[in-house]
Amino acid sequence: MAKASSGTPATIALTRAGVSFTLHPYEHDEGARAYGEEAAALLGVDRGRIFKTLVAQVGGRLTVAVVPVAQHLDLKALARACGAKRAEMADPAAATRSSGYVLGGISPIGQRTPLPTVVDESASAFETVFVSAGRRGLQLELAPADLITVTGASTAAIATD
């Protein structure tokens, strides 16, 4: 198990929970805006195994959606998964304020304000998946079941091509 030497809230939360994870740092290009795509390319990992963390307004409540970087969030599917009529992407300022992370470094783990979380069901197809460790240029790898447990997430088909 990796130590929380990077000290992000995500790695600290995983360490406290006794969850095994591996840190994968990479050199982030400040000009890059497709953060997950950048991570996949620089780490040499299939885009289907790297999951991005998105914050949406679902039924008037902030909700975290975790989907593969190779796909897009299906807002209608997210709303259905949460038992709501509609969902829309949250204001970026609200996402950073709520999570305590910067855009491009939002982790589903260790958020300042714990939010309802839905992980795309495709995560279960892999032995391990990658998510942001809480800052740009740092991914963490863990078992999908651990991701779901530590975030209290539900799973649903919320990603689309």
C-alpha atoms as a PDB file:
ATOM      1  CA  MET A   1       0.000   0.000   0.000  1.00  0.00           C
ATOM      2  CA  ALA A   2       1.269   3.442  -0.864  1.00  0.00           C
ATOM      3  CA  LYS A   3       1.841   5.951   1.866  1.00  0.00           C
ATOM      4  CA  ALA A   4       0.029   9.274   1.724  1.00  0.00           C
ATOM      5  CA  SER A   5       3.338  11.019   1.120  1.00  0.00           C
ATOM      6  CA  SER A   6       1.720  13.352  -1.397  1.00  0.00           C
ATOM      7  CA  GLY A   7      -0.628  14.416   1.362  1.00  0.00           C
ATOM      8  CA  THR A   8      -3.748  15.019  -0.718  1.00  0.00           C
ATOM      9  CA  PRO A   9      -7.088  14.547   1.017  1.00  0.00           C
ATOM     10  CA  ALA A  10      -7.697  11.554  -1.294  1.00  0.00           C
ATOM     11  CA  THR A  11      -4.516   9.719  -0.339  1.00  0.00           C
ATOM     12  CA  ILE A  12      -4.994  10.544   3.335  1.00  0.00           C
ATOM     13  CA  ALA A  13      -8.572   9.201   3.227  1.00  0.00           C
ATOM     14  CA  LEU A  14      -7.453   5.985   1.533  1.00  0.00           C
ATOM     15  CA  THR A  15      -4.618   5.471   3.990  1.00  0.00           C
ATOM     16  CA  ARG A  16      -6.943   6.022   6.950  1.00  0.00           C
ATOM     17  CA  ALA A  17      -9.423   3.548   5.457  1.00  0.00           C
ATOM     18  CA  GLY A  18      -6.679   0.953   4.970  1.00  0.00           C
ATOM     19  CA  VAL A  19      -7.254   0.837   1.204  1.00  0.00           C
ATOM     20  CA  SER A  20      -4.412  -0.273  -1.048  1.00  0.00           C
ATOM     21  CA  PHE A  21      -3.544   2.146  -3.846  1.00  0.00           C
ATOM     22  CA  THR A  22      -0.652   3.079  -6.099  1.00  0.00           C
ATOM     23  CA  LEU A  23       0.283   6.665  -6.945  1.00  0.00           C
ATOM     24  CA  HIS A  24       1.157   7.550 -10.547  1.00  0.00           C
ATOM     25  CA  PRO A  25       2.691  11.012 -10.933  1.00  0.00           C
ATOM     26  CA  TYR A  26       3.215  12.544 -14.366  1.00  0.00           C
ATOM     27  CA  GLU A  27       4.373  15.903 -15.702  1.00  0.00           C
ATOM     28  CA  HIS A  28       1.210  17.961 -16.201  1.00  0.00           C
ATOM     29  CA  ASP A  29       1.288  20.529 -19.003  1.00  0.00           C
ATOM     30  CA  GLU A  30      -0.348  23.710 -17.677  1.00  0.00           C
ATOM     31  CA  GLY A  31      -1.743  24.343 -21.168  1.00  0.00           C
ATOM     32  CA  ALA A  32      -3.600  21.021 -21.241  1.00  0.00           C
ATOM     33  CA  ARG A  33      -7.364  21.096 -20.659  1.00  0.00           C
ATOM     34  CA  ALA A  34      -8.261  17.457 -21.359  1.00  0.00           C
ATOM     35  CA  TYR A  35      -6.792  16.327 -18.035  1.00  0.00           C
ATOM     36  CA  GLY A  36      -7.840  12.680 -18.182  1.00  0.00           C
ATOM     37  CA  GLU A  37      -6.704  12.302 -21.782  1.00  0.00           C
ATOM     38  CA  GLU A  38      -3.365  13.811 -20.805  1.00  0.00           C
ATOM     39  CA  ALA A  39      -3.009  11.352 -17.916  1.00  0.00           C
ATOM     40  CA  ALA A  40      -3.847   8.376 -20.135  1.00  0.00           C
ATOM     41  CA  ALA A  41      -1.307   9.405 -22.761  1.00  0.00           C
ATOM     42  CA  LEU A  42       1.506  10.206 -20.338  1.00  0.00           C
ATOM     43  CA  LEU A  43       0.962   7.144 -18.154  1.00  0.00           C
ATOM     44  CA  GLY A  44       0.428   4.807 -21.124  1.00  0.00           C
ATOM     45  CA  VAL A  45      -2.881   3.572 -19.696  1.00  0.00           C
ATOM     46  CA  ASP A  46      -5.968   2.635 -21.700  1.00  0.00           C
ATOM     47  CA  ARG A  47      -8.441   5.561 -21.696  1.00  0.00           C
ATOM     48  CA  GLY A  48     -11.169   3.187 -20.530  1.00  0.00           C
ATOM     49  CA  ARG A  49      -9.354   2.584 -17.210  1.00  0.00           C
ATOM     50  CA  ILE A  50      -8.829   6.232 -16.321  1.00  0.00           C
ATOM     51  CA  PHE A  51     -11.943   7.774 -14.812  1.00  0.00           C
ATOM     52  CA  LYS A  52     -12.718  11.474 -14.607  1.00  0.00           C
ATOM     53  CA  THR A  53     -14.604  13.041 -11.741  1.00  0.00           C
ATOM     54  CA  LEU A  54     -17.414  15.373 -12.747  1.00  0.00           C
ATOM     55  CA  VAL A  55     -19.752  17.342 -10.520  1.00  0.00           C
ATOM     56  CA  ALA A  56     -23.351  17.820 -11.621  1.00  0.00           C
ATOM     57  CA  GLN A  57     -26.524  19.362 -10.234  1.00  0.00           C
ATOM     58  CA  VAL A  58     -29.004  16.519  -9.970  1.00  0.00           C
ATOM     59  CA  GLY A  59     -32.469  17.380  -8.738  1.00  0.00           C
ATOM     60  CA  GLY A  60     -31.039  20.571  -7.250  1.00  0.00           C
ATOM     61  CA  ARG A  61     -28.246  18.758  -5.376  1.00  0.00           C
ATOM     62  CA  LEU A  62     -24.548  18.508  -6.184  1.00  0.00           C
ATOM     63  CA  THR A  63     -23.626  14.971  -7.177  1.00  0.00           C
ATOM     64  CA  VAL A  64     -20.348  13.357  -8.244  1.00  0.00           C
ATOM     65  CA  ALA A  65     -20.216  11.293 -11.432  1.00  0.00           C
ATOM     66  CA  VAL A  66     -17.180   9.118 -12.191  1.00  0.00           C
ATOM     67  CA  VAL A  67     -16.894   8.080 -15.845  1.00  0.00           C
ATOM     68  CA  PRO A  68     -14.130   6.854 -18.176  1.00  0.00           C
ATOM     69  CA  VAL A  69     -12.183   9.633 -19.895  1.00  0.00           C
ATOM     70  CA  ALA A  70     -12.846   7.799 -23.173  1.00  0.00           C
ATOM     71  CA  GLN A  71     -16.544   8.599 -22.806  1.00  0.00           C
ATOM     72  CA  HIS A  72     -18.918  11.399 -21.840  1.00  0.00           C
ATOM     73  CA  LEU A  73     -21.315  11.726 -18.938  1.00  0.00           C
ATOM     74  CA  ASP A  74     -24.908  10.957 -19.919  1.00  0.00           C
ATOM     75  CA  LEU A  75     -26.788  13.515 -17.822  1.00  0.00           C
ATOM     76  CA  LYS A  76     -30.163  11.847 -18.394  1.00  0.00           C
ATOM     77  CA  ALA A  77     -28.773   8.508 -17.212  1.00  0.00           C
ATOM     78  CA  LEU A  78     -27.244  10.192 -14.160  1.00  0.00           C
ATOM     79  CA  ALA A  79     -30.586  11.787 -13.307  1.00  0.00           C
ATOM     80  CA  ARG A  80     -32.325   8.394 -13.627  1.00  0.00           C
ATOM     81  CA  ALA A  81     -29.653   6.731 -11.476  1.00  0.00           C
ATOM     82  CA  CYS A  82     -30.303   9.335  -8.774  1.00  0.00           C
ATOM     83  CA  GLY A  83     -34.089   9.170  -9.036  1.00  0.00           C
ATOM     84  CA  ALA A  84     -34.288  12.735 -10.339  1.00  0.00           C
ATOM     85  CA  LYS A  85     -35.956  14.280 -13.364  1.00  0.00           C
ATOM     86  CA  ARG A  86     -32.977  16.245 -14.616  1.00  0.00           C
ATOM     87  CA  ALA A  87     -29.263  16.810 -14.272  1.00  0.00           C
ATOM     88  CA  GLU A  88     -26.889  19.456 -15.552  1.00  0.00           C
ATOM     89  CA  MET A  89     -23.217  20.115 -15.108  1.00  0.00           C
ATOM     90  CA  ALA A  90     -22.474  22.083 -11.945  1.00  0.00           C
ATOM     91  CA  ASP A  91     -20.903  25.505 -12.026  1.00  0.00           C
ATOM     92  CA  PRO A  92     -17.107  24.947 -11.940  1.00  0.00           C
ATOM     93  CA  ALA A  93     -16.750  27.310  -8.964  1.00  0.00           C
ATOM     94  CA  ALA A  94     -19.340  25.282  -7.031  1.00  0.00           C
ATOM     95  CA  ALA A  95     -17.501  22.055  -7.898  1.00  0.00           C
ATOM     96  CA  THR A  96     -14.170  23.365  -6.627  1.00  0.00           C
ATOM     97  CA  ARG A  97     -15.703  24.932  -3.522  1.00  0.00           C
ATOM     98  CA  SER A  98     -17.575  21.760  -2.597  1.00  0.00           C
ATOM     99  CA  SER A  99     -14.758  19.319  -3.362  1.00  0.00           C
ATOM    100  CA  GLY A 100     -11.824  21.358  -2.089  1.00  0.00           C
ATOM    101  CA  TYR A 101      -9.907  20.454  -5.252  1.00  0.00           C
ATOM    102  CA  VAL A 102      -8.965  22.429  -8.375  1.00  0.00           C
ATOM    103  CA  LEU A 103     -10.538  21.649 -11.737  1.00  0.00           C
ATOM    104  CA  GLY A 104      -8.547  18.919 -13.435  1.00  0.00           C
ATOM    105  CA  GLY A 105      -7.546  17.568 -10.048  1.00  0.00           C
ATOM    106  CA  ILE A 106     -10.934  16.789  -8.510  1.00  0.00           C
ATOM    107  CA  SER A 107     -10.822  13.374  -6.901  1.00  0.00           C
ATOM    108  CA  PRO A 108     -13.977  11.448  -6.014  1.00  0.00           C
ATOM    109  CA  ILE A 109     -12.190  10.530  -2.765  1.00  0.00           C
ATOM    110  CA  GLY A 110     -11.620  12.807   0.212  1.00  0.00           C
ATOM    111  CA  GLN A 111     -13.864  15.622  -0.914  1.00  0.00           C
ATOM    112  CA  ARG A 112     -14.369  18.516   1.507  1.00  0.00           C
ATOM    113  CA  THR A 113     -18.152  17.994   1.372  1.00  0.00           C
ATOM    114  CA  PRO A 114     -19.090  14.337   0.814  1.00  0.00           C
ATOM    115  CA  LEU A 115     -21.599  14.188  -2.041  1.00  0.00           C
ATOM    116  CA  PRO A 116     -23.762  11.432  -3.486  1.00  0.00           C
ATOM    117  CA  THR A 117     -21.519   9.611  -5.954  1.00  0.00           C
ATOM    118  CA  VAL A 118     -22.283   7.421  -8.969  1.00  0.00           C
ATOM    119  CA  VAL A 119     -19.511   5.398 -10.635  1.00  0.00           C
ATOM    120  CA  ASP A 120     -20.058   4.177 -14.172  1.00  0.00           C
ATOM    121  CA  GLU A 121     -20.622   0.434 -14.094  1.00  0.00           C
ATOM    122  CA  SER A 122     -17.823  -0.118 -16.632  1.00  0.00           C
ATOM    123  CA  ALA A 123     -15.316   0.286 -13.782  1.00  0.00           C
ATOM    124  CA  SER A 124     -16.145  -3.224 -12.575  1.00  0.00           C
ATOM    125  CA  ALA A 125     -14.679  -4.695 -15.782  1.00  0.00           C
ATOM    126  CA  PHE A 126     -11.160  -3.872 -14.580  1.00  0.00           C
ATOM    127  CA  GLU A 127      -8.994  -5.232 -11.785  1.00  0.00           C
ATOM    128  CA  THR A 128      -7.908  -1.655 -11.067  1.00  0.00           C
ATOM    129  CA  VAL A 129      -8.925   1.806 -12.261  1.00  0.00           C
ATOM    130  CA  PHE A 130      -7.285   5.223 -12.123  1.00  0.00           C
ATOM    131  CA  VAL A 131      -8.796   8.412 -10.671  1.00  0.00           C
ATOM    132  CA  SER A 132      -7.308  11.755  -9.758  1.00  0.00           C
ATOM    133  CA  ALA A 133      -5.361  11.705  -6.518  1.00  0.00           C
ATOM    134  CA  GLY A 134      -6.412  15.267  -5.831  1.00  0.00           C
ATOM    135  CA  ARG A 135      -4.144  17.390  -7.951  1.00  0.00           C
ATOM    136  CA  ARG A 136      -3.206  17.763 -11.593  1.00  0.00           C
ATOM    137  CA  GLY A 137      -0.360  15.455 -12.516  1.00  0.00           C
ATOM    138  CA  LEU A 138      -1.158  12.761  -9.974  1.00  0.00           C
ATOM    139  CA  GLN A 139      -3.398   9.740 -10.484  1.00  0.00           C
ATOM    140  CA  LEU A 140      -4.106   6.939  -8.082  1.00  0.00           C
ATOM    141  CA  GLU A 141      -4.825   3.353  -8.994  1.00  0.00           C
ATOM    142  CA  LEU A 142      -7.119   1.201  -6.899  1.00  0.00           C
ATOM    143  CA  ALA A 143      -9.635  -1.616  -7.139  1.00  0.00           C
ATOM    144  CA  PRO A 144     -13.076  -0.486  -8.360  1.00  0.00           C
ATOM    145  CA  ALA A 145     -14.731  -2.093  -5.321  1.00  0.00           C
ATOM    146  CA  ASP A 146     -12.522   0.007  -3.032  1.00  0.00           C
ATOM    147  CA  LEU A 147     -13.408   3.165  -4.970  1.00  0.00           C
ATOM    148  CA  ILE A 148     -17.102   2.398  -4.578  1.00  0.00           C
ATOM    149  CA  THR A 149     -16.781   1.539  -0.893  1.00  0.00           C
ATOM    150  CA  VAL A 150     -14.661   4.515   0.155  1.00  0.00           C
ATOM    151  CA  THR A 151     -16.906   7.008  -1.680  1.00  0.00           C
ATOM    152  CA  GLY A 152     -20.170   5.313  -0.696  1.00  0.00           C
ATOM    153  CA  ALA A 153     -21.005   5.272  -4.403  1.00  0.00           C
ATOM    154  CA  SER A 154     -23.682   3.510  -6.330  1.00  0.00           C
ATOM    155  CA  THR A 155     -23.029   2.190  -9.835  1.00  0.00           C
ATOM    156  CA  ALA A 156     -25.017   2.706 -13.005  1.00  0.00           C
ATOM    157  CA  ALA A 157     -24.551   3.002 -16.755  1.00  0.00           C
ATOM    158  CA  ILE A 158     -23.948   6.774 -16.819  1.00  0.00           C
ATOM    159  CA  ALA A 159     -21.336   7.023 -19.599  1.00  0.00           C
ATOM    160  CA  THR A 160     -21.967   7.356 -23.299  1.00  0.00           C
ATOM    161  CA  ASP A 161     -19.845   7.594 -26.440  1.00  0.00           C
END
